[in-house]
Structures are given as structure tokens and as C-alpha cells.
């Protein structure tokens, strides 16, 4: 157990921060899951709408320090490519 006041405060801060980050990550995963489901159905309009909803959530996780910027950039790039490819595969 922590002995100093500063160490006790640090523990309290860490508990709050972990809970906050956990909620943010869960929210991001929910939006990405909805996008994955929309892509799986093959509905490009629904996928684009889900992508427009998911992208700000991913970026918000970066600005809050929950996820690394490069990780989110990679995810957004890959998801965007998958959404764009829906139109080409459906047209072929």
C-alpha cells in the first residue's frame, strides 16, 4: 500500500484514468464493430454512414490520449479502403 500522500493521490488518479480510457476504448470498439457489420452486409450506403460515425470517435480517442495516433491512422485507412471497395466489387 502507498505510504505517501502523493502516492495515494496517484493511485486515485490512475483508477479514474483507467476507467475513463476503458470506456473510451469500448465506445470506439462499438463504433468499429457497427462499421464491420455494415461492411459485411455489403450495403455501401450503410457502411459509409457507419464510417462517418466511427471516424470522429477514433480521432477523439487520439486527442484524449487513449489510442496512439498511428494506430488510429492505420485503422481509419484500412476501414476507408474497405468501404470504398464495396462499390467496386458490387459493380463488377
PDB file of N, CA and C in Angstrom:
ATOM      1  N   UNK A   1       0.849  -1.190   0.000  1.00  0.00           N
ATOM      2  CA  UNK A   1       0.000   0.000   0.000  1.00  0.00           C
ATOM      3  C   UNK A   1       0.886   1.243   0.000  1.00  0.00           C
ATOM      4  N   UNK A   2       0.385   2.290  -0.637  1.00  0.00           N
ATOM      5  CA  UNK A   2       1.150   3.533  -0.737  1.00  0.00           C
ATOM      6  C   UNK A   2       1.269   4.206   0.627  1.00  0.00           C
ATOM      7  N   UNK A   3       2.448   4.759   0.875  1.00  0.00           N
ATOM      8  CA  UNK A   3       2.682   5.415   2.159  1.00  0.00           C
ATOM      9  C   UNK A   3       2.535   6.930   2.077  1.00  0.00           C
ATOM     10  N   UNK A   4       3.004   7.526   1.002  1.00  0.00           N
ATOM     11  CA  UNK A   4       2.974   8.990   0.922  1.00  0.00           C
ATOM     12  C   UNK A   4       1.645   9.474   0.354  1.00  0.00           C
ATOM     13  N   UNK A   5       1.334  10.712   0.668  1.00  0.00           N
ATOM     14  CA  UNK A   5       0.092  11.314   0.179  1.00  0.00           C
ATOM     15  C   UNK A   5       0.092  11.389  -1.339  1.00  0.00           C
ATOM     16  N   UNK A   6       1.242  11.713  -1.916  1.00  0.00           N
ATOM     17  CA  UNK A   6       1.318  11.822  -3.379  1.00  0.00           C
ATOM     18  C   UNK A   6       1.093  10.465  -4.046  1.00  0.00           C
ATOM     19  N   UNK A   7       1.577   9.402  -3.428  1.00  0.00           N
ATOM     20  CA  UNK A   7       1.382   8.065  -3.990  1.00  0.00           C
ATOM     21  C   UNK A   7      -0.083   7.649  -3.890  1.00  0.00           C
ATOM     22  N   UNK A   8      -0.733   8.009  -2.785  1.00  0.00           N
ATOM     23  CA  UNK A   8      -2.163   7.708  -2.644  1.00  0.00           C
ATOM     24  C   UNK A   8      -2.967   8.462  -3.691  1.00  0.00           C
ATOM     25  N   UNK A   9      -2.602   9.715  -3.911  1.00  0.00           N
ATOM     26  CA  UNK A   9      -3.294  10.523  -4.925  1.00  0.00           C
ATOM     27  C   UNK A   9      -3.085   9.925  -6.313  1.00  0.00           C
ATOM     28  N   UNK A  10      -1.857   9.481  -6.588  1.00  0.00           N
ATOM     29  CA  UNK A  10      -1.545   8.874  -7.885  1.00  0.00           C
ATOM     30  C   UNK A  10      -2.398   7.635  -8.114  1.00  0.00           C
ATOM     31  N   UNK A  11      -2.606   6.851  -7.084  1.00  0.00           N
ATOM     32  CA  UNK A  11      -3.462   5.661  -7.197  1.00  0.00           C
ATOM     33  C   UNK A  11      -4.891   6.064  -7.537  1.00  0.00           C
ATOM     34  N   UNK A  12      -5.392   7.094  -6.852  1.00  0.00           N
ATOM     35  CA  UNK A  12      -6.754   7.569  -7.137  1.00  0.00           C
ATOM     36  C   UNK A  12      -6.870   8.054  -8.576  1.00  0.00           C
ATOM     37  N   UNK A  13      -5.871   8.783  -9.034  1.00  0.00           N
ATOM     38  CA  UNK A  13      -5.893   9.299 -10.400  1.00  0.00           C
ATOM     39  C   UNK A  13      -5.854   8.156 -11.418  1.00  0.00           C
ATOM     40  N   UNK A  14      -5.018   7.160 -11.126  1.00  0.00           N
ATOM     41  CA  UNK A  14      -4.897   6.025 -12.047  1.00  0.00           C
ATOM     42  C   UNK A  14      -6.205   5.263 -12.175  1.00  0.00           C
ATOM     43  N   UNK A  15      -6.912   5.104 -11.062  1.00  0.00           N
ATOM     44  CA  UNK A  15      -8.193   4.386 -11.086  1.00  0.00           C
ATOM     45  C   UNK A  15      -9.179   5.132 -11.984  1.00  0.00           C
ATOM     46  N   UNK A  16      -9.250   6.453 -11.833  1.00  0.00           N
ATOM     47  CA  UNK A  16     -10.156   7.255 -12.666  1.00  0.00           C
ATOM     48  C   UNK A  16      -9.752   7.184 -14.135  1.00  0.00           C
ATOM     49  N   UNK A  17      -8.454   7.312 -14.374  1.00  0.00           N
ATOM     50  CA  UNK A  17      -7.957   7.331 -15.753  1.00  0.00           C
ATOM     51  C   UNK A  17      -8.208   6.002 -16.453  1.00  0.00           C
ATOM     52  N   UNK A  18      -7.977   4.897 -15.742  1.00  0.00           N
ATOM     53  CA  UNK A  18      -8.201   3.571 -16.323  1.00  0.00           C
ATOM     54  C   UNK A  18      -9.674   3.403 -16.688  1.00  0.00           C
ATOM     55  N   UNK A  19     -10.559   3.833 -15.800  1.00  0.00           N
ATOM     56  CA  UNK A  19     -11.998   3.708 -16.064  1.00  0.00           C
ATOM     57  C   UNK A  19     -12.395   4.543 -17.278  1.00  0.00           C
ATOM     58  N   UNK A  20     -11.855   5.746 -17.364  1.00  0.00           N
ATOM     59  CA  UNK A  20     -12.173   6.647 -18.473  1.00  0.00           C
ATOM     60  C   UNK A  20     -11.679   6.067 -19.796  1.00  0.00           C
ATOM     61  N   UNK A  21     -10.423   5.588 -19.791  1.00  0.00           N
ATOM     62  CA  UNK A  21      -9.852   5.027 -21.009  1.00  0.00           C
ATOM     63  C   UNK A  21     -10.568   3.747 -21.436  1.00  0.00           C
ATOM     64  N   UNK A  22     -10.974   2.947 -20.445  1.00  0.00           N
ATOM     65  CA  UNK A  22     -11.691   1.712 -20.731  1.00  0.00           C
ATOM     66  C   UNK A  22     -13.025   2.023 -21.412  1.00  0.00           C
ATOM     67  N   UNK A  23     -13.720   3.038 -20.920  1.00  0.00           N
ATOM     68  CA  UNK A  23     -14.998   3.436 -21.511  1.00  0.00           C
ATOM     69  C   UNK A  23     -14.797   3.953 -22.933  1.00  0.00           C
ATOM     70  N   UNK A  24     -13.745   4.739 -23.130  1.00  0.00           N
ATOM     71  CA  UNK A  24     -13.465   5.280 -24.471  1.00  0.00           C
ATOM     72  C   UNK A  24     -13.135   4.168 -25.453  1.00  0.00           C
ATOM     73  N   UNK A  25     -12.295   3.229 -25.027  1.00  0.00           N
ATOM     74  CA  UNK A  25     -11.918   2.127 -25.915  1.00  0.00           C
ATOM     75  C   UNK A  25     -13.141   1.278 -26.264  1.00  0.00           C
ATOM     76  N   UNK A  26     -13.993   1.047 -25.284  1.00  0.00           N
ATOM     77  CA  UNK A  26     -15.195   0.263 -25.504  1.00  0.00           C
ATOM     78  C   UNK A  26     -16.102   0.967 -26.517  1.00  0.00           C
ATOM     79  N   UNK A  27     -16.233   2.274 -26.374  1.00  0.00           N
ATOM     80  CA  UNK A  27     -17.061   3.064 -27.291  1.00  0.00           C
ATOM     81  C   UNK A  27     -16.504   2.993 -28.712  1.00  0.00           C
ATOM     82  N   UNK A  28     -15.193   3.118 -28.838  1.00  0.00           N
ATOM     83  CA  UNK A  28     -14.541   3.040 -30.154  1.00  0.00           C
ATOM     84  C   UNK A  28     -14.785   1.664 -30.758  1.00  0.00           C
ATOM     85  N   UNK A  29     -14.602   0.620 -29.957  1.00  0.00           N
ATOM     86  CA  UNK A  29     -14.804  -0.748 -30.467  1.00  0.00           C
ATOM     87  C   UNK A  29     -16.250  -0.952 -30.927  1.00  0.00           C
ATOM     88  N   UNK A  30     -17.202  -0.361 -30.210  1.00  0.00           N
ATOM     89  CA  UNK A  30     -18.607  -0.491 -30.602  1.00  0.00           C
ATOM     90  C   UNK A  30     -18.853   0.138 -31.968  1.00  0.00           C
ATOM     91  N   UNK A  31     -18.303   1.336 -32.185  1.00  0.00           N
ATOM     92  CA  UNK A  31     -18.478   2.011 -33.464  1.00  0.00           C
ATOM     93  C   UNK A  31     -17.801   1.229 -34.589  1.00  0.00           C
ATOM     94  N   UNK A  32     -16.617   0.706 -34.324  1.00  0.00           N
ATOM     95  CA  UNK A  32     -15.893  -0.066 -35.342  1.00  0.00           C
ATOM     96  C   UNK A  32     -16.634  -1.366 -35.634  1.00  0.00           C
ATOM     97  N   UNK A  33     -17.193  -1.988 -34.602  1.00  0.00           N
ATOM     98  CA  UNK A  33     -17.956  -3.226 -34.805  1.00  0.00           C
ATOM     99  C   UNK A  33     -19.172  -2.969 -35.687  1.00  0.00           C
ATOM    100  N   UNK A  34     -19.877  -1.839 -35.451  1.00  0.00           N
ATOM    101  CA  UNK A  34     -21.040  -1.498 -36.280  1.00  0.00           C
ATOM    102  C   UNK A  34     -20.607  -1.289 -37.728  1.00  0.00           C
ATOM    103  N   UNK A  35     -19.445  -0.672 -37.912  1.00  0.00           N
ATOM    104  CA  UNK A  35     -18.923  -0.464 -39.255  1.00  0.00           C
ATOM    105  C   UNK A  35     -18.574  -1.800 -39.898  1.00  0.00           C
ATOM    106  N   UNK A  36     -17.935  -2.693 -39.151  1.00  0.00           N
ATOM    107  CA  UNK A  36     -17.586  -4.020 -39.676  1.00  0.00           C
ATOM    108  C   UNK A  36     -18.848  -4.770 -40.109  1.00  0.00           C
ATOM    109  N   UNK A  37     -19.901  -4.666 -39.309  1.00  0.00           N
ATOM    110  CA  UNK A  37     -21.155  -5.342 -39.643  1.00  0.00           C
ATOM    111  C   UNK A  37     -21.768  -4.759 -40.910  1.00  0.00           C
ATOM    112  N   UNK A  38     -21.691  -3.432 -41.055  1.00  0.00           N
ATOM    113  CA  UNK A  38     -22.225  -2.784 -42.254  1.00  0.00           C
ATOM    114  C   UNK A  38     -21.432  -3.206 -43.491  1.00  0.00           C
ATOM    115  N   UNK A  39     -20.113  -3.332 -43.343  1.00  0.00           N
ATOM    116  CA  UNK A  39     -19.278  -3.778 -44.461  1.00  0.00           C
ATOM    117  C   UNK A  39     -19.627  -5.221 -44.819  1.00  0.00           C
ATOM    118  N   UNK A  40     -19.856  -6.043 -43.801  1.00  0.00           N
ATOM    119  CA  UNK A  40     -20.168  -7.459 -44.021  1.00  0.00           C
ATOM    120  C   UNK A  40     -21.479  -7.636 -44.787  1.00  0.00           C
ATOM    121  N   UNK A  41     -22.445  -6.748 -44.553  1.00  0.00           N
ATOM    122  CA  UNK A  41     -23.719  -6.850 -45.268  1.00  0.00           C
ATOM    123  C   UNK A  41     -23.568  -6.458 -46.728  1.00  0.00           C
ATOM    124  N   UNK A  42     -22.541  -5.660 -47.044  1.00  0.00           N
ATOM    125  CA  UNK A  42     -22.317  -5.250 -48.426  1.00  0.00           C
ATOM    126  C   UNK A  42     -23.067  -3.989 -48.812  1.00  0.00           C
ATOM    127  N   UNK A  43     -23.754  -3.370 -47.858  1.00  0.00           N
ATOM    128  CA  UNK A  43     -24.504  -2.138 -48.121  1.00  0.00           C
ATOM    129  C   UNK A  43     -23.551  -0.948 -48.024  1.00  0.00           C
ATOM    130  N   UNK A  44     -23.212  -0.370 -49.186  1.00  0.00           N
ATOM    131  CA  UNK A  44     -22.211   0.698 -49.195  1.00  0.00           C
ATOM    132  C   UNK A  44     -22.718   1.947 -48.475  1.00  0.00           C
ATOM    133  N   UNK A  45     -23.997   2.288 -48.648  1.00  0.00           N
ATOM    134  CA  UNK A  45     -24.547   3.487 -48.006  1.00  0.00           C
ATOM    135  C   UNK A  45     -24.489   3.352 -46.480  1.00  0.00           C
ATOM    136  N   UNK A  46     -24.858   2.196 -45.979  1.00  0.00           N
ATOM    137  CA  UNK A  46     -24.826   1.962 -44.529  1.00  0.00           C
ATOM    138  C   UNK A  46     -23.389   1.966 -44.023  1.00  0.00           C
ATOM    139  N   UNK A  47     -22.488   1.402 -44.813  1.00  0.00           N
ATOM    140  CA  UNK A  47     -21.083   1.363 -44.422  1.00  0.00           C
ATOM    141  C   UNK A  47     -20.489   2.764 -44.377  1.00  0.00           C
ATOM    142  N   UNK A  48     -20.832   3.591 -45.356  1.00  0.00           N
ATOM    143  CA  UNK A  48     -20.332   4.972 -45.372  1.00  0.00           C
ATOM    144  C   UNK A  48     -20.854   5.746 -44.172  1.00  0.00           C
ATOM    145  N   UNK A  49     -22.114   5.540 -43.852  1.00  0.00           N
ATOM    146  CA  UNK A  49     -22.711   6.224 -42.700  1.00  0.00           C
ATOM    147  C   UNK A  49     -22.038   5.770 -41.405  1.00  0.00           C
ATOM    148  N   UNK A  50     -21.800   4.480 -41.282  1.00  0.00           N
ATOM    149  CA  UNK A  50     -21.127   3.942 -40.096  1.00  0.00           C
ATOM    150  C   UNK A  50     -19.694   4.455 -40.017  1.00  0.00           C
ATOM    151  N   UNK A  51     -19.043   4.595 -41.171  1.00  0.00           N
ATOM    152  CA  UNK A  51     -17.665   5.106 -41.199  1.00  0.00           C
ATOM    153  C   UNK A  51     -17.639   6.559 -40.748  1.00  0.00           C
ATOM    154  N   UNK A  52     -18.623   7.352 -41.201  1.00  0.00           N
ATOM    155  CA  UNK A  52     -18.708   8.758 -40.782  1.00  0.00           C
ATOM    156  C   UNK A  52     -18.946   8.882 -39.285  1.00  0.00           C
ATOM    157  N   UNK A  53     -19.592   7.902 -38.693  1.00  0.00           N
ATOM    158  CA  UNK A  53     -19.823   7.922 -37.245  1.00  0.00           C
ATOM    159  C   UNK A  53     -18.588   7.427 -36.485  1.00  0.00           C
ATOM    160  N   UNK A  54     -17.886   6.450 -37.050  1.00  0.00           N
ATOM    161  CA  UNK A  54     -16.753   5.837 -36.351  1.00  0.00           C
ATOM    162  C   UNK A  54     -15.502   6.707 -36.387  1.00  0.00           C
ATOM    163  N   UNK A  55     -15.292   7.403 -37.492  1.00  0.00           N
ATOM    164  CA  UNK A  55     -14.052   8.166 -37.644  1.00  0.00           C
ATOM    165  C   UNK A  55     -13.857   9.224 -36.555  1.00  0.00           C
ATOM    166  N   UNK A  56     -14.857  10.048 -36.219  1.00  0.00           N
ATOM    167  CA  UNK A  56     -14.649  11.023 -35.142  1.00  0.00           C
ATOM    168  C   UNK A  56     -14.375  10.371 -33.792  1.00  0.00           C
ATOM    169  N   UNK A  57     -14.977   9.222 -33.538  1.00  0.00           N
ATOM    170  CA  UNK A  57     -14.733   8.521 -32.274  1.00  0.00           C
ATOM    171  C   UNK A  57     -13.281   8.062 -32.191  1.00  0.00           C
ATOM    172  N   UNK A  58     -12.768   7.559 -33.297  1.00  0.00           N
ATOM    173  CA  UNK A  58     -11.373   7.134 -33.325  1.00  0.00           C
ATOM    174  C   UNK A  58     -10.449   8.328 -33.113  1.00  0.00           C
ATOM    175  N   UNK A  59     -10.734   9.434 -33.776  1.00  0.00           N
ATOM    176  CA  UNK A  59      -9.896  10.624 -33.633  1.00  0.00           C
ATOM    177  C   UNK A  59      -9.966  11.190 -32.217  1.00  0.00           C
ATOM    178  N   UNK A  60     -11.131  11.107 -31.611  1.00  0.00           N
ATOM    179  CA  UNK A  60     -11.293  11.592 -30.242  1.00  0.00           C
ATOM    180  C   UNK A  60     -10.444  10.775 -29.279  1.00  0.00           C
ATOM    181  N   UNK A  61     -10.348   9.479 -29.531  1.00  0.00           N
ATOM    182  CA  UNK A  61      -9.509   8.621 -28.688  1.00  0.00           C
ATOM    183  C   UNK A  61      -8.043   9.041 -28.780  1.00  0.00           C
ATOM    184  N   UNK A  62      -7.638   9.562 -29.939  1.00  0.00           N
ATOM    185  CA  UNK A  62      -6.262  10.045 -30.102  1.00  0.00           C
ATOM    186  C   UNK A  62      -6.061  11.317 -29.300  1.00  0.00           C
ATOM    187  N   UNK A  63      -6.973  12.263 -29.451  1.00  0.00           N
ATOM    188  CA  UNK A  63      -6.797  13.551 -28.771  1.00  0.00           C
ATOM    189  C   UNK A  63      -6.849  13.405 -27.260  1.00  0.00           C
ATOM    190  N   UNK A  64      -7.561  12.402 -26.774  1.00  0.00           N
ATOM    191  CA  UNK A  64      -7.641  12.169 -25.332  1.00  0.00           C
ATOM    192  C   UNK A  64      -6.489  11.307 -24.825  1.00  0.00           C
ATOM    193  N   UNK A  65      -5.680  10.799 -25.739  1.00  0.00           N
ATOM    194  CA  UNK A  65      -4.526  10.016 -25.330  1.00  0.00           C
ATOM    195  C   UNK A  65      -4.817   8.554 -25.052  1.00  0.00           C
ATOM    196  N   UNK A  66      -5.985   8.091 -25.450  1.00  0.00           N
ATOM    197  CA  UNK A  66      -6.343   6.698 -25.196  1.00  0.00           C
ATOM    198  C   UNK A  66      -5.688   5.762 -26.208  1.00  0.00           C
ATOM    199  N   UNK A  67      -5.663   6.171 -27.465  1.00  0.00           N
ATOM    200  CA  UNK A  67      -5.045   5.381 -28.517  1.00  0.00           C
ATOM    201  C   UNK A  67      -3.945   6.191 -29.184  1.00  0.00           C
ATOM    202  N   UNK A  68      -2.970   5.496 -29.742  1.00  0.00           N
ATOM    203  CA  UNK A  68      -1.861   6.158 -30.421  1.00  0.00           C
ATOM    204  C   UNK A  68      -2.313   6.665 -31.796  1.00  0.00           C
ATOM    205  N   UNK A  69      -1.790   7.793 -32.202  1.00  0.00           N
ATOM    206  CA  UNK A  69      -2.191   8.430 -33.461  1.00  0.00           C
ATOM    207  C   UNK A  69      -1.945   7.521 -34.662  1.00  0.00           C
ATOM    208  N   UNK A  70      -0.809   6.846 -34.689  1.00  0.00           N
ATOM    209  CA  UNK A  70      -0.506   5.985 -35.834  1.00  0.00           C
ATOM    210  C   UNK A  70      -1.437   4.778 -35.895  1.00  0.00           C
ATOM    211  N   UNK A  71      -1.829   4.274 -34.741  1.00  0.00           N
ATOM    212  CA  UNK A  71      -2.755   3.145 -34.692  1.00  0.00           C
ATOM    213  C   UNK A  71      -4.084   3.532 -35.311  1.00  0.00           C
ATOM    214  N   UNK A  72      -4.581   4.704 -34.925  1.00  0.00           N
ATOM    215  CA  UNK A  72      -5.870   5.164 -35.441  1.00  0.00           C
ATOM    216  C   UNK A  72      -5.759   5.483 -36.922  1.00  0.00           C
ATOM    217  N   UNK A  73      -4.659   6.094 -37.342  1.00  0.00           N
ATOM    218  CA  UNK A  73      -4.475   6.408 -38.755  1.00  0.00           C
ATOM    219  C   UNK A  73      -4.500   5.128 -39.590  1.00  0.00           C
ATOM    220  N   UNK A  74      -3.853   4.090 -39.081  1.00  0.00           N
ATOM    221  CA  UNK A  74      -3.828   2.799 -39.783  1.00  0.00           C
ATOM    222  C   UNK A  74      -5.225   2.196 -39.862  1.00  0.00           C
ATOM    223  N   UNK A  75      -5.948   2.229 -38.744  1.00  0.00           N
ATOM    224  CA  UNK A  75      -7.297   1.659 -38.724  1.00  0.00           C
ATOM    225  C   UNK A  75      -8.233   2.412 -39.669  1.00  0.00           C
ATOM    226  N   UNK A  76      -8.176   3.748 -39.619  1.00  0.00           N
ATOM    227  CA  UNK A  76      -9.048   4.572 -40.467  1.00  0.00           C
ATOM    228  C   UNK A  76      -8.732   4.308 -41.933  1.00  0.00           C
ATOM    229  N   UNK A  77      -7.453   4.222 -42.260  1.00  0.00           N
ATOM    230  CA  UNK A  77      -7.040   3.974 -43.640  1.00  0.00           C
ATOM    231  C   UNK A  77      -7.575   2.629 -44.135  1.00  0.00           C
ATOM    232  N   UNK A  78      -7.422   1.613 -43.326  1.00  0.00           N
ATOM    233  CA  UNK A  78      -7.857   0.275 -43.735  1.00  0.00           C
ATOM    234  C   UNK A  78      -9.374   0.180 -43.838  1.00  0.00           C
ATOM    235  N   UNK A  79     -10.074   0.782 -42.875  1.00  0.00           N
ATOM    236  CA  UNK A  79     -11.536   0.759 -42.913  1.00  0.00           C
ATOM    237  C   UNK A  79     -12.052   1.545 -44.113  1.00  0.00           C
ATOM    238  N   UNK A  80     -11.431   2.696 -44.382  1.00  0.00           N
ATOM    239  CA  UNK A  80     -11.824   3.519 -45.514  1.00  0.00           C
ATOM    240  C   UNK A  80     -11.649   2.757 -46.824  1.00  0.00           C
ATOM    241  N   UNK A  81     -10.547   2.061 -46.953  1.00  0.00           N
ATOM    242  CA  UNK A  81     -10.291   1.275 -48.169  1.00  0.00           C
ATOM    243  C   UNK A  81     -11.344   0.189 -48.336  1.00  0.00           C
ATOM    244  N   UNK A  82     -11.727  -0.433 -47.230  1.00  0.00           N
ATOM    245  CA  UNK A  82     -12.737  -1.493 -47.312  1.00  0.00           C
ATOM    246  C   UNK A  82     -14.097  -0.936 -47.704  1.00  0.00           C
ATOM    247  N   UNK A  83     -14.435   0.242 -47.174  1.00  0.00           N
ATOM    248  CA  UNK A  83     -15.712   0.866 -47.518  1.00  0.00           C
ATOM    249  C   UNK A  83     -15.715   1.257 -48.992  1.00  0.00           C
ATOM    250  N   UNK A  84     -14.599   1.822 -49.468  1.00  0.00           N
ATOM    251  CA  UNK A  84     -14.501   2.222 -50.878  1.00  0.00           C
ATOM    252  C   UNK A  84     -14.588   1.030 -51.807  1.00  0.00           C
ATOM    253  N   UNK A  85     -14.016  -0.106 -51.401  1.00  0.00           N
ATOM    254  CA  UNK A  85     -14.012  -1.290 -52.262  1.00  0.00           C
ATOM    255  C   UNK A  85     -15.402  -1.912 -52.399  1.00  0.00           C
ATOM    256  N   UNK A  86     -16.304  -1.560 -51.502  1.00  0.00           N
ATOM    257  CA  UNK A  86     -17.668  -2.119 -51.599  1.00  0.00           C
ATOM    258  C   UNK A  86     -18.320  -1.768 -52.926  1.00  0.00           C
ATOM    259  N   UNK A  87     -18.150  -0.537 -53.367  1.00  0.00           N
ATOM    260  CA  UNK A  87     -18.773  -0.099 -54.618  1.00  0.00           C
ATOM    261  C   UNK A  87     -18.203  -0.800 -55.816  1.00  0.00           C
ATOM    262  N   UNK A  88     -16.887  -1.029 -55.817  1.00  0.00           N
ATOM    263  CA  UNK A  88     -16.254  -1.639 -56.980  1.00  0.00           C
ATOM    264  C   UNK A  88     -16.605  -3.118 -57.093  1.00  0.00           C
ATOM    265  N   UNK A  89     -16.672  -3.808 -55.950  1.00  0.00           N
ATOM    266  CA  UNK A  89     -16.989  -5.245 -56.011  1.00  0.00           C
ATOM    267  C   UNK A  89     -18.459  -5.442 -56.356  1.00  0.00           C
ATOM    268  N   UNK A  90     -19.333  -4.543 -55.922  1.00  0.00           N
ATOM    269  CA  UNK A  90     -20.748  -4.670 -56.214  1.00  0.00           C
ATOM    270  C   UNK A  90     -21.022  -4.362 -57.688  1.00  0.00           C
ATOM    271  N   UNK A  91     -20.238  -3.426 -58.272  1.00  0.00           N
ATOM    272  CA  UNK A  91     -20.433  -3.042 -59.655  1.00  0.00           C
ATOM    273  C   UNK A  91     -19.878  -4.090 -60.613  1.00  0.00           C
ATOM    274  N   UNK A  92     -18.893  -4.862 -60.183  1.00  0.00           N
ATOM    275  CA  UNK A  92     -18.252  -5.838 -61.070  1.00  0.00           C
ATOM    276  C   UNK A  92     -19.158  -7.001 -61.360  1.00  0.00           C
TER     277      UNK A  92
END
